[in-house]
Amino acid sequence: MAAHIDDWPTRYHFGRARTNLLHPIRLGPGVRVLDVGAGSGVNSRWAAEQGASVVAVEGDALRAEAAALRCTGLDVDVRHGSATDLVADDGFDVVLCIGVLEYAGDDPDRFLGHLAGLLRPGGALVVAIENRFGLAYWLQADEDHLGQAFVGIEGYPPVATTEATATVRTFSRSELADRLAGAGLAAQRWYQPFPDYKLPTAILTDRCFDQPDAVDLVDQLVGPPIDRSRMGGRITGDERAIHRQVVAAGMGAEMANSFLVVAAADGTVLDRRSDGDTLAWRFTGDRRRAHLRVRRVTDDGVRRIDRRPIHRTESDGPAGGWLRLRSPGGTADDYTTGPNLEQVALERLRAGDLDGVRAVLAAWWAVADRSATERQVTEGEAHPFLPAGSRTVLPGDHLDLGLDNLVGPVDHPDEVGFVDDEWEATGGVDRDLAAVRTCWKLATAVVGGGTRHPWPAGLTVDRLAAKFCDLLPGNVADPSIDHLHVAEAALRVEALGGEVATHVAQLRAVGRRSVADRTVGAGHRSPLRRRLAALKRLPGGERLAALVRRVG
């Protein structure tokens, strides 16, 4: 299904990241699950794959049919109807209410009470919903259901609603906690999915925000806290810097964009139905199924991180070729604390300190040089990140040698540690191409988070990357940004699937973005985006859509 994603609705229903949300929930054989508002069956299928027996209830007939198709062969009973029509019968160990409570009408307390009544003794209700006072909404993102900025924060004034949205409501953390307690579910465990609960790339616990190094830790795990690819609104400001200040002020958990909460009548149920030991989960992007990984951060006196395949029956594949995903192994590594070099570079950019940025890039260069060798690369061993010819070659795992994977003092590069070396390129990596990739990734981090920098705000990712390349201590004039786009596209074909030409077009589109662009609403409701999505389905549509982008 992931191969058919080409717009927000298909991304939401088919994206592999949807099920990331359920990693903190303990499901397995013998657990009876009710999935309320099951949609196309994403969460129902995940629960059944863990061994649970699932009843999936969906009010839309077409979605219910899609859920039944998706869950074929699994222990999932898909029913077209409303959860409010269900009676307790045997009851359920877990009731999933994912993105449904906001549509409960003018009496959400009655709805929660009904769901609580469907639980067996020792059962738990799992609710995921947007935070009415989430950071994204304070930064002028459109309210997710009404498509207007600030209307949730303003209390959903009637003048901003339509007949269809008159009773749509989200809640603050304290209000939702009180409503759950009012339904008899006072024992609660809270998680914060980022950028939101729909397609989370990270899930944090309350304990994460209480760590002594919470500001750096949360920023490392979350990155940009808003998904600008789908949210409308004129979002302004350096969102990563703002998020760091919110966490420093002790408001990080309260101002998360979304909540995932496990609620029960008895506190002993929480450990049985949810994970209370993990600090945070960090997920890879929407890769091929075999390449999906989850990083789990724990702390039992010593903070550690491990990396696990999400689908344990999958091989590392593809076999052969130039790119390999290194085996996660069976042990956890100590978590290297402190800001990574990307965070240091962003802070120095905010300060207008280009000498400081130059020092960060010099530290990267020094780390790369520690393992560099000079040699002749033959045509037979060449690959997209190792062109043939006389090259300075880094080890294959240095494909991941980005600033975000380096931690340590900038002024002592010999003490800088290399973490999270996940990918390995056969035969090694060209140092200069790795340097250009590092600079381009830094530029995408700047634009992706709205980081203030000393240059004009209209400077694009590609031009920012060129500026950073100029600050490197060595000359990397040979591999151009265009060369990087082609090499990166080849990597994405291996990791994500698809065609090189499609990925090149996407990378070039990213390369044209700037910090200034972020103030223009471009969410999934944008009419232009909807037209482009439709164009892409026509013969030659990718090219036609690209043309419309340039003139529109």
Protein backbone atom coordinates (compact mmCIF):
# COMPACT_ATOMS: atom_id res chain seq x y z
CA MET A 1 0.00 0.00 0.00
CA ALA A 2 2.88 2.38 0.74
CA ALA A 3 3.74 2.36 -2.97
CA HIS A 4 0.45 4.18 -3.70
CA ILE A 5 1.08 7.18 -1.42
CA ASP A 6 0.89 10.43 -3.38
CA ASP A 7 -1.05 12.87 -1.17
CA TRP A 8 -2.08 13.42 2.44
CA PRO A 9 -5.12 11.08 2.54
CA THR A 10 -3.14 8.17 1.08
CA ARG A 11 -0.18 9.00 3.30
CA TYR A 12 -2.45 8.91 6.35
CA HIS A 13 -4.17 5.64 5.46
CA PHE A 14 -1.23 3.80 3.87
CA GLY A 15 1.85 5.25 5.59
CA ARG A 16 3.86 2.73 7.58
CA ALA A 17 4.50 5.34 10.28
CA ARG A 18 0.86 5.15 11.45
CA THR A 19 1.49 2.11 13.66
CA ASN A 20 4.50 3.71 15.37
CA LEU A 21 1.97 5.14 17.80
CA LEU A 22 1.19 1.74 19.32
CA HIS A 23 4.74 0.79 20.31
CA PRO A 24 4.21 1.82 23.97
CA ILE A 25 1.05 -0.33 24.17
CA ARG A 26 1.46 -3.92 25.32
CA LEU A 27 -0.60 -6.18 23.10
CA GLY A 28 -0.26 -9.89 22.51
CA PRO A 29 -1.92 -13.30 22.47
CA GLY A 30 -4.99 -13.50 24.68
CA VAL A 31 -5.60 -9.73 24.62
CA ARG A 32 -9.03 -8.70 23.32
CA VAL A 33 -8.94 -5.31 21.58
CA LEU A 34 -11.67 -2.96 20.41
CA ASP A 35 -10.55 -0.47 17.73
CA VAL A 36 -13.07 2.40 17.74
CA GLY A 37 -13.27 4.34 14.47
CA ALA A 38 -10.91 1.85 12.89
CA GLY A 39 -10.70 3.66 9.55
CA SER A 40 -8.91 1.54 6.97
CA GLY A 41 -7.71 -0.88 9.64
CA VAL A 42 -4.12 0.25 10.19
CA ASN A 43 -4.14 -0.15 13.96
CA SER A 44 -6.41 -3.19 13.88
CA ARG A 45 -3.95 -5.04 11.68
CA TRP A 46 -1.01 -4.07 13.89
CA ALA A 47 -2.79 -5.28 17.02
CA ALA A 48 -3.69 -8.58 15.34
CA GLU A 49 -0.10 -9.03 14.14
CA GLN A 50 0.96 -8.83 17.79
CA GLY A 51 -1.37 -11.76 18.50
CA ALA A 52 -4.41 -9.88 19.82
CA SER A 53 -8.02 -10.69 18.94
CA VAL A 54 -9.57 -7.52 17.49
CA VAL A 55 -13.05 -6.11 16.96
CA ALA A 56 -12.80 -3.15 14.57
CA VAL A 57 -15.77 -0.76 14.41
CA GLU A 58 -15.96 1.82 11.60
CA GLY A 59 -18.87 4.10 10.75
CA ASP A 60 -17.99 4.62 7.08
CA ALA A 61 -18.93 1.66 4.88
CA LEU A 62 -16.07 2.08 2.40
CA ARG A 63 -13.48 2.36 5.14
CA ALA A 64 -14.92 -0.67 6.89
CA GLU A 65 -14.60 -2.59 3.63
CA ALA A 66 -10.99 -1.41 3.28
CA ALA A 67 -10.27 -2.49 6.86
CA ALA A 68 -11.69 -5.94 6.18
CA LEU A 69 -9.48 -6.27 3.11
CA ARG A 70 -6.43 -5.03 4.96
CA CYS A 71 -6.95 -7.49 7.81
CA THR A 72 -7.75 -10.55 5.69
CA GLY A 73 -6.41 -13.71 7.29
CA LEU A 74 -6.00 -12.13 10.73
CA ASP A 75 -8.12 -12.38 13.88
CA VAL A 76 -10.00 -9.15 13.15
CA ASP A 77 -13.80 -8.86 13.20
CA VAL A 78 -14.63 -5.72 11.19
CA ARG A 79 -18.06 -4.23 11.88
CA HIS A 80 -19.75 -1.34 10.08
CA GLY A 81 -21.44 0.76 12.74
CA SER A 82 -20.93 2.92 15.80
CA ALA A 83 -19.07 2.09 18.99
CA THR A 84 -21.97 3.58 20.94
CA ASP A 85 -24.14 0.70 19.70
CA LEU A 86 -21.80 -1.93 21.15
CA VAL A 87 -22.72 -3.73 24.35
CA ALA A 88 -20.18 -5.06 26.79
CA ASP A 89 -20.59 -8.80 26.05
CA ASP A 90 -17.25 -10.27 27.15
CA GLY A 91 -15.71 -6.81 27.32
CA PHE A 92 -12.27 -5.80 26.10
CA ASP A 93 -8.79 -5.70 27.61
CA VAL A 94 -7.84 -2.68 25.51
CA VAL A 95 -10.04 -0.13 23.76
CA LEU A 96 -8.26 1.98 21.12
CA CYS A 97 -9.72 5.46 20.57
CA ILE A 98 -7.25 6.92 18.07
CA GLY A 99 -8.30 10.24 16.54
CA VAL A 100 -11.96 9.68 17.46
CA LEU A 101 -12.72 11.50 20.73
CA GLU A 102 -12.66 14.91 19.03
CA TYR A 103 -15.69 13.79 16.99
CA ALA A 104 -17.69 12.54 19.98
CA GLY A 105 -20.27 15.30 19.59
CA ASP A 106 -21.58 17.60 22.28
CA ASP A 107 -21.20 15.05 25.10
CA PRO A 108 -17.65 13.63 25.09
CA ASP A 109 -18.01 12.61 28.74
CA ARG A 110 -20.88 10.29 27.88
CA PHE A 111 -18.83 8.80 25.04
CA LEU A 112 -15.83 8.19 27.34
CA GLY A 113 -18.14 6.66 29.93
CA HIS A 114 -19.51 4.28 27.32
CA LEU A 115 -16.01 3.20 26.24
CA ALA A 116 -14.98 2.73 29.88
CA GLY A 117 -18.03 0.50 30.32
CA LEU A 118 -16.78 -1.78 27.53
CA LEU A 119 -13.58 -2.58 29.44
CA ARG A 120 -13.07 -5.82 31.28
CA PRO A 121 -11.80 -5.58 34.87
CA GLY A 122 -8.13 -4.71 34.47
CA GLY A 123 -8.73 -3.18 31.04
CA ALA A 124 -7.32 0.07 29.65
CA LEU A 125 -8.56 2.80 27.33
CA VAL A 126 -5.97 4.20 24.89
CA VAL A 127 -6.73 7.70 23.59
CA ALA A 128 -4.78 9.68 20.99
CA ILE A 129 -5.84 13.24 20.21
CA GLU A 130 -4.41 16.65 19.32
CA ASN A 131 -3.59 19.02 22.16
CA ARG A 132 -5.78 22.11 21.96
CA PHE A 133 -2.85 24.11 23.34
CA GLY A 134 -0.13 22.34 21.35
CA LEU A 135 2.98 24.21 20.26
CA ALA A 136 2.03 24.04 16.57
CA TYR A 137 -1.18 25.94 17.24
CA TRP A 138 0.64 28.69 19.15
CA LEU A 139 2.95 29.04 16.13
CA GLN A 140 -0.09 29.79 13.93
CA ALA A 141 -0.62 26.36 12.37
CA ASP A 142 -4.19 25.78 11.25
CA GLU A 143 -6.38 23.88 13.71
CA ASP A 144 -6.39 20.39 12.26
CA HIS A 145 -10.17 19.96 11.93
CA LEU A 146 -11.38 23.48 11.17
CA GLY A 147 -8.46 24.58 8.99
CA GLN A 148 -8.08 27.98 10.68
CA ALA A 149 -5.36 29.30 12.95
CA PHE A 150 -6.04 29.89 16.66
CA VAL A 151 -9.68 28.71 16.69
CA GLY A 152 -8.97 25.92 19.19
CA ILE A 153 -6.98 28.18 21.47
CA GLU A 154 -9.83 30.72 21.24
CA GLY A 155 -12.30 28.09 22.47
CA TYR A 156 -13.87 27.14 19.12
CA PRO A 157 -16.02 30.28 18.66
CA PRO A 158 -19.26 29.45 16.78
CA VAL A 159 -18.46 32.01 14.08
CA ALA A 160 -15.42 29.89 13.09
CA THR A 161 -17.31 26.62 12.76
CA THR A 162 -19.70 25.08 10.25
CA GLU A 163 -22.64 22.76 10.82
CA ALA A 164 -20.32 19.81 10.21
CA THR A 165 -17.64 21.03 12.64
CA ALA A 166 -19.81 22.68 15.30
CA THR A 167 -19.11 19.98 17.90
CA VAL A 168 -15.51 19.07 16.96
CA ARG A 169 -13.35 19.61 20.03
CA THR A 170 -9.84 18.88 21.25
CA PHE A 171 -8.70 19.33 24.84
CA SER A 172 -5.83 20.52 26.98
CA ARG A 173 -3.94 17.96 29.03
CA SER A 174 -5.64 18.89 32.29
CA GLU A 175 -9.10 18.89 30.73
CA LEU A 176 -8.59 15.49 29.10
CA ALA A 177 -7.19 14.07 32.35
CA ASP A 178 -10.27 15.28 34.23
CA ARG A 179 -12.66 13.85 31.64
CA LEU A 180 -10.94 10.45 31.78
CA ALA A 181 -11.05 10.50 35.57
CA GLY A 182 -14.74 11.39 35.36
CA ALA A 183 -15.24 8.20 33.36
CA GLY A 184 -13.69 6.22 36.21
CA LEU A 185 -10.22 6.07 34.62
CA ALA A 186 -8.13 8.11 37.06
CA ALA A 187 -4.96 6.01 36.64
CA GLN A 188 -3.20 7.46 33.60
CA ARG A 189 0.12 7.23 31.75
CA TRP A 190 0.89 9.99 29.28
CA TYR A 191 3.05 9.98 26.15
CA GLN A 192 3.85 12.77 23.72
CA PRO A 193 4.01 11.74 20.02
CA PHE A 194 5.89 14.08 17.66
CA PRO A 195 5.24 15.77 15.37
CA ASP A 196 1.77 14.43 16.20
CA TYR A 197 -0.07 11.17 16.83
CA LYS A 198 -0.96 10.59 13.16
CA LEU A 199 2.51 9.81 11.78
CA PRO A 200 4.85 9.94 14.77
CA THR A 201 8.60 9.84 14.28
CA ALA A 202 9.19 10.04 18.05
CA ILE A 203 7.22 9.23 21.19
CA LEU A 204 8.36 10.73 24.48
CA THR A 205 7.32 9.97 28.04
CA ASP A 206 6.80 12.50 30.81
CA ARG A 207 10.11 11.36 32.34
CA CYS A 208 11.92 12.49 29.22
CA PHE A 209 11.01 16.11 29.98
CA ASP A 210 12.27 15.74 33.56
CA GLN A 211 15.82 14.72 32.61
CA PRO A 212 18.66 17.11 33.57
CA ASP A 213 19.57 17.42 29.88
CA ALA A 214 15.96 17.51 28.68
CA VAL A 215 16.48 20.48 26.35
CA ASP A 216 19.14 18.75 24.26
CA LEU A 217 17.64 15.28 24.63
CA VAL A 218 14.14 16.28 23.48
CA ASP A 219 15.56 18.31 20.59
CA GLN A 220 17.69 15.35 19.47
CA LEU A 221 14.75 12.97 19.55
CA VAL A 222 12.16 15.29 18.01
CA GLY A 223 14.03 17.65 15.68
CA PRO A 224 11.56 20.07 14.07
CA PRO A 225 8.42 19.69 16.24
CA ILE A 226 5.97 20.48 13.42
CA ASP A 227 5.25 18.55 10.23
CA ARG A 228 5.28 21.39 7.74
CA SER A 229 4.66 19.01 4.83
CA ARG A 230 0.98 18.75 5.75
CA MET A 231 0.04 21.52 8.20
CA GLY A 232 -1.51 24.66 6.84
CA GLY A 233 -1.03 28.14 8.26
CA ARG A 234 1.56 30.88 8.21
CA ILE A 235 3.94 29.26 10.68
CA THR A 236 6.63 31.71 11.70
CA GLY A 237 9.60 31.63 14.03
CA ASP A 238 12.45 29.21 14.68
CA GLU A 239 10.34 26.29 15.88
CA ARG A 240 13.25 24.23 17.21
CA ALA A 241 14.55 27.19 19.22
CA ILE A 242 11.04 27.89 20.53
CA HIS A 243 10.57 24.23 21.45
CA ARG A 244 13.88 24.24 23.33
CA GLN A 245 12.73 27.25 25.34
CA VAL A 246 9.37 25.62 26.08
CA VAL A 247 11.13 22.49 27.38
CA ALA A 248 13.58 24.60 29.40
CA ALA A 249 10.62 26.37 31.02
CA GLY A 250 9.14 23.03 32.10
CA MET A 251 6.18 23.21 29.71
CA GLY A 252 7.27 20.63 27.14
CA ALA A 253 4.80 17.89 28.08
CA GLU A 254 1.91 20.34 28.48
CA MET A 255 2.53 21.90 25.04
CA ALA A 256 3.12 18.74 22.99
CA ASN A 257 1.18 18.82 19.73
CA SER A 258 -0.62 15.56 20.55
CA PHE A 259 -1.23 13.20 23.43
CA LEU A 260 -1.28 9.45 23.72
CA VAL A 261 -2.75 8.44 27.07
CA VAL A 262 -3.38 5.04 28.61
CA ALA A 263 -6.15 5.24 31.23
CA ALA A 264 -7.49 2.64 33.64
CA ALA A 265 -9.43 2.35 36.88
CA ASP A 266 -6.46 0.77 38.67
CA GLY A 267 -2.85 1.93 38.53
CA THR A 268 -1.54 -1.64 38.44
CA VAL A 269 -3.13 -2.02 35.00
CA LEU A 270 -0.83 0.58 33.46
CA ASP A 271 2.30 -1.58 33.63
CA ARG A 272 0.41 -4.54 32.24
CA ARG A 273 -0.96 -2.64 29.25
CA SER A 274 1.75 -0.05 28.56
CA ASP A 275 5.51 0.45 28.71
CA GLY A 276 6.61 2.48 31.73
CA ASP A 277 10.32 1.63 31.48
CA THR A 278 11.22 3.36 28.22
CA LEU A 279 12.13 7.05 28.10
CA ALA A 280 11.47 7.52 24.40
CA TRP A 281 11.09 5.85 21.04
CA ARG A 282 12.58 7.20 17.80
CA PHE A 283 11.47 5.75 14.47
CA THR A 284 13.03 5.68 11.03
CA GLY A 285 11.18 7.26 8.14
CA ASP A 286 8.82 5.54 5.74
CA ARG A 287 11.39 3.06 4.40
CA ARG A 288 11.02 -0.33 2.81
CA ARG A 289 9.43 -2.70 5.28
CA ALA A 290 12.69 -4.63 5.78
CA HIS A 291 14.54 -1.43 6.71
CA LEU A 292 12.14 -0.04 9.32
CA ARG A 293 13.83 0.42 12.70
CA VAL A 294 12.90 1.75 16.14
CA ARG A 295 15.43 3.20 18.58
CA ARG A 296 14.45 2.82 22.21
CA VAL A 297 15.99 5.01 24.92
CA THR A 298 15.95 3.61 28.45
CA ASP A 299 17.38 4.78 31.77
CA ASP A 300 17.68 2.54 34.83
CA GLY A 301 20.49 4.63 36.29
CA VAL A 302 22.47 4.46 33.05
CA ARG A 303 20.92 5.84 29.88
CA ARG A 304 21.08 3.43 26.95
CA ILE A 305 19.78 3.20 23.41
CA ASP A 306 19.09 0.15 21.28
CA ARG A 307 18.03 -0.27 17.68
CA ARG A 308 15.54 -2.95 16.68
CA PRO A 309 13.77 -3.99 13.49
CA ILE A 310 10.09 -3.15 13.63
CA HIS A 311 9.20 -6.26 11.67
CA ARG A 312 11.28 -9.04 13.15
CA THR A 313 10.61 -11.57 10.42
CA GLU A 314 12.20 -9.37 7.78
CA SER A 315 15.79 -9.77 6.58
CA ASP A 316 18.14 -6.82 6.29
CA GLY A 317 17.91 -7.02 2.46
CA PRO A 318 18.40 -6.25 -0.23
CA ALA A 319 21.16 -8.82 -0.59
CA GLY A 320 24.20 -7.66 -2.52
CA GLY A 321 24.40 -4.21 -4.08
CA TRP A 322 26.39 -1.28 -2.76
CA LEU A 323 24.33 -0.39 0.32
CA ARG A 324 23.75 -2.42 3.46
CA LEU A 325 21.75 -1.73 6.61
CA ARG A 326 23.96 -2.78 9.49
CA SER A 327 22.50 -5.37 11.84
CA PRO A 328 21.05 -3.78 15.00
CA GLY A 329 22.67 -6.42 17.18
CA GLY A 330 21.21 -7.65 20.44
CA THR A 331 22.65 -5.22 22.96
CA ALA A 332 22.02 -1.61 23.93
CA ASP A 333 24.71 1.06 23.71
CA ASP A 334 25.34 3.74 26.29
CA TYR A 335 23.61 6.96 25.23
CA THR A 336 26.20 9.65 24.55
CA THR A 337 24.86 12.73 26.30
CA GLY A 338 25.43 16.34 25.33
CA PRO A 339 24.51 18.40 22.28
CA ASN A 340 25.35 16.90 18.91
CA LEU A 341 27.29 18.96 16.39
CA GLU A 342 24.16 19.82 14.43
CA GLN A 343 22.66 21.40 17.55
CA VAL A 344 25.89 23.31 18.15
CA ALA A 345 25.93 24.55 14.55
CA LEU A 346 22.31 25.73 14.77
CA GLU A 347 23.01 27.62 18.00
CA ARG A 348 25.98 29.33 16.40
CA LEU A 349 23.95 30.25 13.35
CA ARG A 350 21.31 31.80 15.60
CA ALA A 351 24.07 33.86 17.20
CA GLY A 352 25.34 34.96 13.78
CA ASP A 353 28.67 33.32 14.63
CA LEU A 354 30.02 32.07 11.30
CA ASP A 355 33.43 31.43 12.83
CA GLY A 356 31.65 29.11 15.26
CA VAL A 357 29.96 27.29 12.36
CA ARG A 358 33.34 27.05 10.65
CA ALA A 359 34.74 25.45 13.81
CA VAL A 360 31.93 22.86 13.83
CA LEU A 361 32.60 21.94 10.21
CA ALA A 362 36.33 21.79 10.92
CA ALA A 363 35.60 19.30 13.70
CA TRP A 364 33.62 17.19 11.23
CA TRP A 365 36.53 17.33 8.78
CA ALA A 366 38.98 16.26 11.48
CA VAL A 367 36.80 13.29 12.46
CA ALA A 368 36.52 12.27 8.80
CA ASP A 369 40.27 12.56 8.28
CA ARG A 370 40.95 10.18 11.17
CA SER A 371 39.85 7.27 9.01
CA ALA A 372 40.49 8.60 5.49
CA THR A 373 42.73 6.85 2.98
CA GLU A 374 43.96 7.95 -0.44
CA ARG A 375 43.42 5.38 -3.19
CA GLN A 376 42.36 4.71 -6.75
CA VAL A 377 38.73 3.61 -7.06
CA THR A 378 38.08 1.29 -10.00
CA GLU A 379 34.99 1.36 -12.20
CA GLY A 380 34.08 -2.08 -10.87
CA GLU A 381 33.86 -0.97 -7.23
CA ALA A 382 32.41 2.49 -7.87
CA HIS A 383 28.89 3.32 -6.65
CA PRO A 384 26.85 6.53 -6.27
CA PHE A 385 28.75 7.67 -3.15
CA LEU A 386 32.16 6.46 -4.39
CA PRO A 387 32.91 7.64 -7.94
CA ALA A 388 35.77 6.05 -9.86
CA GLY A 389 39.15 7.77 -9.88
CA SER A 390 41.68 9.04 -7.38
CA ARG A 391 39.73 9.57 -4.17
CA THR A 392 40.02 10.27 -0.47
CA VAL A 393 37.94 7.39 0.86
CA LEU A 394 36.18 7.06 4.21
CA PRO A 395 35.00 3.75 5.71
CA GLY A 396 31.63 2.54 4.45
CA ASP A 397 29.81 3.33 7.71
CA HIS A 398 30.83 7.00 7.34
CA LEU A 399 27.92 7.40 4.95
CA ASP A 400 26.08 8.34 8.17
CA LEU A 401 28.79 10.76 9.33
CA GLY A 402 26.45 13.73 9.65
CA LEU A 403 26.67 16.45 12.28
CA ASP A 404 23.61 14.98 14.01
CA ASN A 405 25.56 11.75 14.57
CA LEU A 406 28.61 13.39 16.15
CA VAL A 407 28.72 14.28 19.85
CA GLY A 408 31.58 15.89 21.72
CA PRO A 409 33.58 19.11 22.17
CA VAL A 410 34.09 21.05 18.94
CA ASP A 411 37.50 22.31 20.08
CA HIS A 412 38.70 18.74 20.77
CA PRO A 413 37.75 16.72 17.68
CA ASP A 414 39.70 13.73 18.97
CA GLU A 415 37.06 13.44 21.72
CA VAL A 416 34.09 13.64 19.33
CA GLY A 417 32.20 10.34 19.17
CA PHE A 418 30.42 8.88 16.13
CA VAL A 419 26.98 7.49 17.04
CA ASP A 420 24.23 5.71 15.10
CA ASP A 421 26.29 4.43 12.16
CA GLU A 422 23.36 2.60 10.61
CA TRP A 423 24.10 2.38 6.88
CA GLU A 424 27.24 0.99 5.26
CA ALA A 425 28.38 1.55 1.67
CA THR A 426 30.44 -1.23 0.12
CA GLY A 427 34.03 -0.19 -0.52
CA GLY A 428 33.73 3.10 1.35
CA VAL A 429 32.49 6.65 0.77
CA ASP A 430 34.11 9.55 -1.04
CA ARG A 431 35.08 12.09 1.62
CA ASP A 432 34.22 15.14 -0.45
CA LEU A 433 30.79 13.78 -1.35
CA ALA A 434 30.23 12.93 2.32
CA ALA A 435 31.19 16.52 3.16
CA VAL A 436 28.69 17.94 0.67
CA ARG A 437 26.02 15.60 2.08
CA THR A 438 26.81 16.84 5.60
CA CYS A 439 26.47 20.47 4.52
CA TRP A 440 23.23 19.78 2.63
CA LYS A 441 21.74 17.96 5.63
CA LEU A 442 22.67 20.92 7.85
CA ALA A 443 20.97 23.25 5.36
CA THR A 444 17.80 21.11 5.41
CA ALA A 445 17.86 21.21 9.22
CA VAL A 446 18.11 25.01 9.11
CA VAL A 447 15.19 25.41 6.72
CA GLY A 448 13.15 22.53 8.16
CA GLY A 449 13.15 24.08 11.62
CA GLY A 450 13.08 27.73 10.56
CA THR A 451 16.48 28.43 12.14
CA ARG A 452 17.53 32.06 11.94
CA HIS A 453 20.86 32.58 10.18
CA PRO A 454 23.04 35.55 9.11
CA TRP A 455 22.11 35.37 5.41
CA PRO A 456 18.87 36.50 3.70
CA ALA A 457 15.87 34.36 4.71
CA GLY A 458 15.21 33.61 1.04
CA LEU A 459 18.44 31.65 0.66
CA THR A 460 17.49 28.15 -0.51
CA VAL A 461 18.65 24.84 0.94
CA ASP A 462 20.99 24.28 -2.01
CA ARG A 463 22.53 27.75 -1.70
CA LEU A 464 22.85 27.41 2.07
CA ALA A 465 24.62 24.09 1.56
CA ALA A 466 27.05 25.82 -0.80
CA LYS A 467 27.69 28.48 1.87
CA PHE A 468 28.48 25.75 4.40
CA CYS A 469 30.79 24.01 1.92
CA ASP A 470 32.70 27.29 1.63
CA LEU A 471 33.29 27.16 5.41
CA LEU A 472 34.91 23.71 5.28
CA PRO A 473 38.69 23.65 5.76
CA GLY A 474 39.21 21.63 2.56
CA ASN A 475 38.20 22.14 -1.06
CA VAL A 476 35.13 20.12 -2.09
CA ALA A 477 34.46 21.83 -5.40
CA ASP A 478 34.41 18.55 -7.36
CA PRO A 479 31.12 16.94 -6.18
CA SER A 480 28.35 19.47 -6.88
CA ILE A 481 24.98 19.74 -5.18
CA ASP A 482 23.44 18.22 -8.32
CA HIS A 483 25.84 15.28 -8.00
CA LEU A 484 24.69 14.84 -4.40
CA HIS A 485 21.02 14.84 -5.45
CA VAL A 486 21.65 11.97 -7.86
CA ALA A 487 23.69 9.98 -5.31
CA GLU A 488 21.12 10.60 -2.58
CA ALA A 489 18.31 9.55 -4.92
CA ALA A 490 20.11 6.26 -5.56
CA LEU A 491 20.40 5.73 -1.80
CA ARG A 492 16.68 6.43 -1.37
CA VAL A 493 15.78 3.89 -4.03
CA GLU A 494 17.61 1.25 -1.98
CA ALA A 495 16.16 2.40 1.36
CA LEU A 496 12.66 3.54 0.40
CA GLY A 497 11.95 2.09 -3.04
CA GLY A 498 10.69 4.05 -6.03
CA GLU A 499 12.51 5.50 -9.03
CA VAL A 500 15.70 7.57 -9.17
CA ALA A 501 14.06 10.28 -11.28
CA THR A 502 11.21 10.70 -8.77
CA HIS A 503 13.60 11.03 -5.84
CA VAL A 504 15.84 13.47 -7.74
CA ALA A 505 12.81 15.67 -8.44
CA GLN A 506 11.82 15.56 -4.76
CA LEU A 507 15.35 16.40 -3.59
CA ARG A 508 15.57 19.31 -6.00
CA ALA A 509 12.22 20.57 -4.71
CA VAL A 510 13.62 20.44 -1.16
CA GLY A 511 16.72 22.23 -2.40
CA ARG A 512 14.58 25.17 -3.57
CA ARG A 513 12.98 25.75 -0.16
CA SER A 514 14.03 28.53 2.19
CA VAL A 515 13.25 29.81 5.66
CA ALA A 516 11.20 32.59 4.04
CA ASP A 517 8.94 30.00 2.36
CA ARG A 518 7.75 28.74 5.74
CA THR A 519 5.54 31.77 6.31
CA VAL A 520 3.33 30.78 3.37
CA GLY A 521 0.51 28.38 4.18
CA ALA A 522 1.15 25.07 2.43
CA GLY A 523 -0.78 22.43 4.35
CA HIS A 524 -2.67 19.42 3.02
CA ARG A 525 -5.75 21.57 2.44
CA SER A 526 -3.91 23.85 0.00
CA PRO A 527 -5.86 23.96 -3.30
CA LEU A 528 -2.62 24.04 -5.30
CA ARG A 529 -1.36 20.89 -3.56
CA ARG A 530 -4.65 19.13 -4.27
CA ARG A 531 -4.41 20.04 -7.95
CA LEU A 532 -0.80 18.86 -8.12
CA ALA A 533 -1.73 15.54 -6.52
CA ALA A 534 -4.43 15.06 -9.17
CA LEU A 535 -2.08 16.04 -11.99
CA LYS A 536 0.48 13.45 -10.93
CA ARG A 537 -2.00 10.65 -11.65
CA LEU A 538 -2.15 11.59 -15.36
CA PRO A 539 0.31 10.34 -18.02
CA GLY A 540 3.34 12.59 -17.73
CA GLY A 541 1.78 14.07 -14.62
CA GLU A 542 5.00 14.35 -12.58
CA ARG A 543 6.48 16.65 -15.24
CA LEU A 544 3.24 18.60 -15.57
CA ALA A 545 2.96 19.03 -11.79
CA ALA A 546 6.55 20.31 -11.65
CA LEU A 547 5.71 22.88 -14.34
CA VAL A 548 2.64 24.07 -12.43
CA ARG A 549 4.78 24.45 -9.29
CA ARG A 550 7.19 26.71 -11.15
CA VAL A 551 4.50 28.95 -12.61
CA GLY A 552 2.09 28.76 -9.65
